[in-house]
Structures are given as C-alpha cells and as structure tokens.
Amino acid sequence: MKIRRFFKEGKAFVVKAFDYAADWIKELKSRGYKVYLLSNYPKDYFELHTHSELSFVSLVDGKVISAMVGMIKPDAGIYQCLFDKYNLNPKECVFIDDRPENIEGGRKLGMEGIVFTDYETGKKKLEQMLMD
C-alpha cells in the first residue's frame, strides 16, 4: 500500500510532520533554548521534504544532515560535527531521538539523551532534565 502511494503521489508525500513539532520548537526557543537538528537523511529527500512537509526545519538554530556530511548516527563523528559547527558543549545538550543506539552514540561524547516514544512522554522527560 505505501509503495503504491509512493509511486502514485511521489516521494514528497511519504513523510508527514508531527503536528506538535513547530509549536514545541517555538516554545523552547521562547524560553531561551537553542534547537538543532541532527538527522540521518538523504540529501535530495531532505531538500524536498523541508520545502513540502517538514516546514518546522526553518525554525531550528542549525542542522547537520548525514548525507551532507558523509556520516550517520550513531557514528561519533556526526555528533562531533554538530558540536564543532555550532560551538556546542555536549554536556549542555540534550539529544532526543527515537533510536536508543543514537542516544547512546551521543552519550559516549557526554551529551544527555531521551529516547523519544511519544510527544507527552518526551516533553515531560525534557522538562525534568531542564529543571535539574
């Protein structure tokens, strides 16, 4: 079914943004936090999807995309690329990702992480970390 939709509607419609993404980013930024994107994504799809479905990407303070740097999570180099590009201290960062191995990749470099399972749980865990 999804394969038929892909060929019928095109690759732009395979990805849909979560309805909370833009508001969550805006809320964090209004509180003075920076938000960065670290994603494993093919270049052509990333460019297509950010112009169609993933408009929240324009709200982030910076991004590192795997296809554009030739590394993928959980390789240490992609996290280091993010830290270096934006002069980030990993000990001051919280990484949210849906894959435990990607969280572990960041932890090895000193960054705290949250395995994302759903918005409410993820937001609650982040708020707890920000209060500590």
C-alpha atoms as a PDB file:
ATOM      1  CA  MET A   1       0.000   0.000   0.000  1.00  0.00           C
ATOM      2  CA  LYS A   2       2.708   2.510   0.973  1.00  0.00           C
ATOM      3  CA  ILE A   3       4.776   1.551  -2.066  1.00  0.00           C
ATOM      4  CA  ARG A   4       1.811   2.226  -4.350  1.00  0.00           C
ATOM      5  CA  ARG A   5       1.257   5.584  -2.663  1.00  0.00           C
ATOM      6  CA  PHE A   6       4.933   6.446  -3.089  1.00  0.00           C
ATOM      7  CA  PHE A   7       4.846   5.801  -6.831  1.00  0.00           C
ATOM      8  CA  LYS A   8       1.415   7.350  -7.264  1.00  0.00           C
ATOM      9  CA  GLU A   9       1.891  10.510  -5.207  1.00  0.00           C
ATOM     10  CA  GLY A  10       5.648  10.864  -5.250  1.00  0.00           C
ATOM     11  CA  LYS A  11       8.316  10.887  -2.611  1.00  0.00           C
ATOM     12  CA  ALA A  12       7.243  14.290  -1.258  1.00  0.00           C
ATOM     13  CA  PHE A  13       4.176  12.781   0.377  1.00  0.00           C
ATOM     14  CA  VAL A  14       5.760   9.822   2.128  1.00  0.00           C
ATOM     15  CA  VAL A  15       6.828  11.964   5.103  1.00  0.00           C
ATOM     16  CA  LYS A  16       4.464  13.943   7.314  1.00  0.00           C
ATOM     17  CA  ALA A  17       5.488  16.317  10.096  1.00  0.00           C
ATOM     18  CA  PHE A  18       4.117  15.693  13.546  1.00  0.00           C
ATOM     19  CA  ASP A  19       1.596  18.397  14.379  1.00  0.00           C
ATOM     20  CA  TYR A  20       3.407  19.331  17.609  1.00  0.00           C
ATOM     21  CA  ALA A  21       6.885  19.823  16.097  1.00  0.00           C
ATOM     22  CA  ALA A  22       6.748  23.522  15.197  1.00  0.00           C
ATOM     23  CA  ASP A  23       4.994  24.566  18.401  1.00  0.00           C
ATOM     24  CA  TRP A  24       7.426  22.604  20.576  1.00  0.00           C
ATOM     25  CA  ILE A  25      10.410  24.231  18.853  1.00  0.00           C
ATOM     26  CA  LYS A  26       8.851  27.686  19.195  1.00  0.00           C
ATOM     27  CA  GLU A  27       8.121  27.115  22.875  1.00  0.00           C
ATOM     28  CA  LEU A  28      11.679  26.017  23.640  1.00  0.00           C
ATOM     29  CA  LYS A  29      13.143  28.935  21.725  1.00  0.00           C
ATOM     30  CA  SER A  30      10.838  31.413  23.515  1.00  0.00           C
ATOM     31  CA  ARG A  31      12.381  30.166  26.765  1.00  0.00           C
ATOM     32  CA  GLY A  32      15.878  30.898  25.501  1.00  0.00           C
ATOM     33  CA  TYR A  33      16.912  27.423  24.398  1.00  0.00           C
ATOM     34  CA  LYS A  34      18.576  26.672  21.074  1.00  0.00           C
ATOM     35  CA  VAL A  35      17.213  23.823  18.961  1.00  0.00           C
ATOM     36  CA  TYR A  36      19.354  21.935  16.464  1.00  0.00           C
ATOM     37  CA  LEU A  37      18.546  19.153  14.045  1.00  0.00           C
ATOM     38  CA  LEU A  38      20.803  16.112  13.698  1.00  0.00           C
ATOM     39  CA  SER A  39      19.320  13.727  11.185  1.00  0.00           C
ATOM     40  CA  ASN A  40      20.137  10.719   9.047  1.00  0.00           C
ATOM     41  CA  TYR A  41      18.549  11.794   5.790  1.00  0.00           C
ATOM     42  CA  PRO A  42      19.321  11.529   2.046  1.00  0.00           C
ATOM     43  CA  LYS A  43      20.111  14.971   0.594  1.00  0.00           C
ATOM     44  CA  ASP A  44      17.510  15.049  -2.177  1.00  0.00           C
ATOM     45  CA  TYR A  45      14.733  13.861   0.131  1.00  0.00           C
ATOM     46  CA  PHE A  46      15.727  16.327   2.838  1.00  0.00           C
ATOM     47  CA  GLU A  47      15.594  19.249   0.433  1.00  0.00           C
ATOM     48  CA  LEU A  48      12.270  18.091  -0.995  1.00  0.00           C
ATOM     49  CA  HIS A  49      10.655  17.386   2.368  1.00  0.00           C
ATOM     50  CA  THR A  50      11.780  20.610   4.037  1.00  0.00           C
ATOM     51  CA  HIS A  51      10.057  22.541   1.266  1.00  0.00           C
ATOM     52  CA  SER A  52       6.887  20.479   1.456  1.00  0.00           C
ATOM     53  CA  GLU A  53       6.171  18.580   4.655  1.00  0.00           C
ATOM     54  CA  LEU A  54       8.874  19.497   7.183  1.00  0.00           C
ATOM     55  CA  SER A  55       8.492  23.260   7.309  1.00  0.00           C
ATOM     56  CA  PHE A  56       9.445  23.281  11.012  1.00  0.00           C
ATOM     57  CA  VAL A  57      13.079  22.839   9.911  1.00  0.00           C
ATOM     58  CA  SER A  58      13.209  26.565   9.167  1.00  0.00           C
ATOM     59  CA  LEU A  59      12.709  27.198  12.902  1.00  0.00           C
ATOM     60  CA  VAL A  60      15.831  25.394  14.132  1.00  0.00           C
ATOM     61  CA  ASP A  61      19.034  27.218  15.014  1.00  0.00           C
ATOM     62  CA  GLY A  62      21.172  24.886  12.935  1.00  0.00           C
ATOM     63  CA  LYS A  63      21.334  21.451  11.417  1.00  0.00           C
ATOM     64  CA  VAL A  64      23.653  18.630  10.462  1.00  0.00           C
ATOM     65  CA  ILE A  65      22.266  16.205   7.905  1.00  0.00           C
ATOM     66  CA  SER A  66      24.006  12.875   7.388  1.00  0.00           C
ATOM     67  CA  ALA A  67      24.092  12.949   3.597  1.00  0.00           C
ATOM     68  CA  MET A  68      25.634  16.415   3.605  1.00  0.00           C
ATOM     69  CA  VAL A  69      28.497  15.459   5.939  1.00  0.00           C
ATOM     70  CA  GLY A  70      29.059  11.847   4.891  1.00  0.00           C
ATOM     71  CA  MET A  71      28.429  10.353   8.333  1.00  0.00           C
ATOM     72  CA  ILE A  72      25.443   8.776  10.034  1.00  0.00           C
ATOM     73  CA  LYS A  73      24.222   8.391  13.583  1.00  0.00           C
ATOM     74  CA  PRO A  74      25.378   6.716  15.772  1.00  0.00           C
ATOM     75  CA  ASP A  75      28.919   7.356  14.455  1.00  0.00           C
ATOM     76  CA  ALA A  76      30.719   9.705  16.853  1.00  0.00           C
ATOM     77  CA  GLY A  77      31.843  11.949  14.014  1.00  0.00           C
ATOM     78  CA  ILE A  78      28.382  13.263  13.175  1.00  0.00           C
ATOM     79  CA  TYR A  79      27.774  14.377  16.764  1.00  0.00           C
ATOM     80  CA  GLN A  80      31.200  15.999  16.850  1.00  0.00           C
ATOM     81  CA  CYS A  81      30.370  17.754  13.582  1.00  0.00           C
ATOM     82  CA  LEU A  82      27.294  19.297  15.236  1.00  0.00           C
ATOM     83  CA  PHE A  83      29.280  20.354  18.310  1.00  0.00           C
ATOM     84  CA  ASP A  84      32.062  21.889  16.219  1.00  0.00           C
ATOM     85  CA  LYS A  85      29.842  23.611  13.668  1.00  0.00           C
ATOM     86  CA  TYR A  86      27.770  25.395  16.329  1.00  0.00           C
ATOM     87  CA  ASN A  87      30.365  25.612  19.125  1.00  0.00           C
ATOM     88  CA  LEU A  88      28.273  23.426  21.431  1.00  0.00           C
ATOM     89  CA  ASN A  89      29.374  21.865  24.692  1.00  0.00           C
ATOM     90  CA  PRO A  90      27.939  18.313  24.695  1.00  0.00           C
ATOM     91  CA  LYS A  91      27.429  18.485  28.470  1.00  0.00           C
ATOM     92  CA  GLU A  92      24.978  21.360  27.880  1.00  0.00           C
ATOM     93  CA  CYS A  93      22.990  19.469  25.230  1.00  0.00           C
ATOM     94  CA  VAL A  94      20.047  17.080  25.356  1.00  0.00           C
ATOM     95  CA  PHE A  95      19.593  14.823  22.356  1.00  0.00           C
ATOM     96  CA  ILE A  96      16.141  13.472  21.529  1.00  0.00           C
ATOM     97  CA  ASP A  97      15.917  10.561  19.103  1.00  0.00           C
ATOM     98  CA  ASP A  98      13.661   7.563  18.581  1.00  0.00           C
ATOM     99  CA  ARG A  99      16.545   5.088  18.384  1.00  0.00           C
ATOM    100  CA  PRO A 100      18.330   4.030  21.583  1.00  0.00           C
ATOM    101  CA  GLU A 101      21.605   3.400  19.740  1.00  0.00           C
ATOM    102  CA  ASN A 102      21.624   7.011  18.549  1.00  0.00           C
ATOM    103  CA  ILE A 103      21.107   8.253  22.093  1.00  0.00           C
ATOM    104  CA  GLU A 104      23.982   6.037  23.222  1.00  0.00           C
ATOM    105  CA  GLY A 105      26.186   7.482  20.465  1.00  0.00           C
ATOM    106  CA  GLY A 106      25.644  10.967  21.897  1.00  0.00           C
ATOM    107  CA  ARG A 107      26.117   9.810  25.479  1.00  0.00           C
ATOM    108  CA  LYS A 108      29.550   8.457  24.625  1.00  0.00           C
ATOM    109  CA  LEU A 109      30.533  12.064  23.869  1.00  0.00           C
ATOM    110  CA  GLY A 110      28.989  13.477  27.040  1.00  0.00           C
ATOM    111  CA  MET A 111      25.547  14.502  25.782  1.00  0.00           C
ATOM    112  CA  GLU A 112      22.423  13.534  27.724  1.00  0.00           C
ATOM    113  CA  GLY A 113      19.641  11.905  25.750  1.00  0.00           C
ATOM    114  CA  ILE A 114      15.994  10.958  25.671  1.00  0.00           C
ATOM    115  CA  VAL A 115      14.648   8.024  23.701  1.00  0.00           C
ATOM    116  CA  PHE A 116      11.556   9.514  22.076  1.00  0.00           C
ATOM    117  CA  THR A 117       8.479   7.291  22.195  1.00  0.00           C
ATOM    118  CA  ASP A 118       5.714   9.900  22.113  1.00  0.00           C
ATOM    119  CA  TYR A 119       5.335  13.652  22.495  1.00  0.00           C
ATOM    120  CA  GLU A 120       3.852  13.771  26.003  1.00  0.00           C
ATOM    121  CA  THR A 121       6.481  11.457  27.477  1.00  0.00           C
ATOM    122  CA  GLY A 122       9.322  13.136  25.607  1.00  0.00           C
ATOM    123  CA  LYS A 123       8.237  16.608  26.659  1.00  0.00           C
ATOM    124  CA  LYS A 124       7.860  15.525  30.290  1.00  0.00           C
ATOM    125  CA  LYS A 125      11.334  13.933  30.340  1.00  0.00           C
ATOM    126  CA  LEU A 126      12.872  17.014  28.748  1.00  0.00           C
ATOM    127  CA  GLU A 127      11.214  19.316  31.281  1.00  0.00           C
ATOM    128  CA  GLN A 128      12.586  17.175  34.115  1.00  0.00           C
ATOM    129  CA  MET A 129      16.100  17.399  32.647  1.00  0.00           C
ATOM    130  CA  LEU A 130      15.843  21.157  32.169  1.00  0.00           C
ATOM    131  CA  MET A 131      14.829  21.624  35.811  1.00  0.00           C
ATOM    132  CA  ASP A 132      17.820  19.662  37.170  1.00  0.00           C
END
